[in-house]
Amino acid sequence: MARAEVDELDWLTGTVTEIYALDRSAGVGSEGGTGGRVNDVNRRGADRLAQIAMKDHVGGGLGVHPSEIHAEVARSRASYSDDVYYLR
């Protein structure tokens, strides 16, 4: 999902974060709440998109809602129940 699509779905700020059960440290909204530091904003936005992609990919493969997947972007892994999935 592209950032523009996420932003469009997130017209009520926080909706996407709640629907996907995103890690809030990855930023709320595309701005990420970083006080104007552009590199930090870009990183947080990328982390948020990566979480969504990971959750969609693993959740779709398992047939579960993406909010049920725990995604760790920094470790490139996702988990569901007791199972761990490493992503490249």
Protein backbone atom coordinates (compact mmCIF):
# COMPACT_ATOMS: atom_id res chain seq x y z
CA MET A 1 0.00 0.00 0.00
CA ALA A 2 1.41 3.39 -0.97
CA ARG A 3 1.73 6.24 1.52
CA ALA A 4 -0.96 8.22 -0.36
CA GLU A 5 -3.39 5.30 0.04
CA VAL A 6 -2.64 5.04 3.77
CA ASP A 7 -3.08 8.79 4.21
CA GLU A 8 -6.40 8.64 2.33
CA LEU A 9 -7.66 5.85 4.60
CA ASP A 10 -6.42 7.76 7.64
CA TRP A 11 -8.63 10.82 7.03
CA LEU A 12 -9.65 10.48 10.68
CA THR A 13 -6.19 10.52 12.24
CA GLY A 14 -5.39 7.29 14.04
CA THR A 15 -7.83 5.10 12.11
CA VAL A 16 -5.13 3.11 10.30
CA THR A 17 -3.10 2.79 13.50
CA GLU A 18 -6.11 1.27 15.28
CA ILE A 19 -7.27 -0.95 12.41
CA TYR A 20 -3.81 -2.45 11.92
CA ALA A 21 -2.82 -2.34 15.62
CA LEU A 22 0.39 -0.55 14.59
CA ASP A 23 3.28 0.12 16.92
CA ARG A 24 2.69 3.77 17.84
CA SER A 25 6.44 4.49 17.91
CA ALA A 26 6.34 4.15 14.11
CA GLY A 27 4.45 7.45 13.95
CA VAL A 28 0.85 8.47 13.84
CA GLY A 29 -0.02 9.92 10.48
CA SER A 30 2.60 10.48 7.83
CA GLU A 31 4.17 13.31 9.83
CA GLY A 32 5.19 11.03 12.68
CA GLY A 33 5.08 13.77 15.34
CA THR A 34 8.81 14.41 15.30
CA GLY A 35 8.97 18.18 15.64
CA GLY A 36 10.00 18.81 12.03
CA ARG A 37 13.05 16.57 11.68
CA VAL A 38 12.67 15.42 8.09
CA ASN A 39 14.88 12.32 8.25
CA ASP A 40 13.07 11.09 11.35
CA VAL A 41 9.70 11.75 9.72
CA ASN A 42 10.71 9.80 6.61
CA ARG A 43 12.03 6.89 8.68
CA ARG A 44 8.90 6.72 10.82
CA GLY A 45 6.66 6.92 7.76
CA ALA A 46 8.64 4.13 6.11
CA ASP A 47 8.44 2.02 9.30
CA ARG A 48 4.68 2.54 9.40
CA LEU A 49 4.29 1.46 5.77
CA ALA A 50 6.59 -1.52 6.38
CA GLN A 51 4.46 -2.63 9.34
CA ILE A 52 1.32 -2.43 7.21
CA ALA A 53 2.96 -4.41 4.38
CA MET A 54 4.26 -7.07 6.76
CA LYS A 55 0.92 -7.43 8.54
CA ASP A 56 -0.99 -7.58 5.23
CA HIS A 57 1.40 -10.15 3.75
CA VAL A 58 1.55 -12.52 6.72
CA GLY A 59 -2.09 -12.04 7.71
CA GLY A 60 -3.24 -12.69 4.15
CA GLY A 61 -1.17 -15.85 3.93
CA LEU A 62 -2.57 -17.14 7.21
CA GLY A 63 -6.12 -15.95 6.59
CA VAL A 64 -6.21 -13.72 9.67
CA HIS A 65 -6.81 -9.99 10.09
CA PRO A 66 -3.58 -7.95 9.88
CA SER A 67 -4.16 -6.58 13.39
CA GLU A 68 -3.52 -10.09 14.73
CA ILE A 69 0.05 -10.03 13.38
CA HIS A 70 2.90 -8.56 15.42
CA ALA A 71 5.43 -6.95 13.05
CA GLU A 72 9.01 -6.09 14.00
CA VAL A 73 10.34 -3.96 11.15
CA ALA A 74 13.88 -3.62 12.52
CA ARG A 75 14.21 -7.42 12.76
CA SER A 76 12.31 -8.16 9.52
CA ARG A 77 10.06 -10.60 11.29
CA ALA A 78 6.42 -11.02 12.08
CA SER A 79 4.65 -13.32 14.47
CA TYR A 80 1.23 -14.78 15.00
CA SER A 81 0.39 -16.86 18.02
CA ASP A 82 3.61 -18.81 18.71
CA ASP A 83 4.80 -18.84 15.10
CA VAL A 84 7.53 -16.49 13.81
CA TYR A 85 7.97 -15.52 10.15
CA TYR A 86 11.18 -13.94 8.82
CA LEU A 87 10.71 -11.61 5.87
CA ARG A 88 13.22 -10.35 3.33
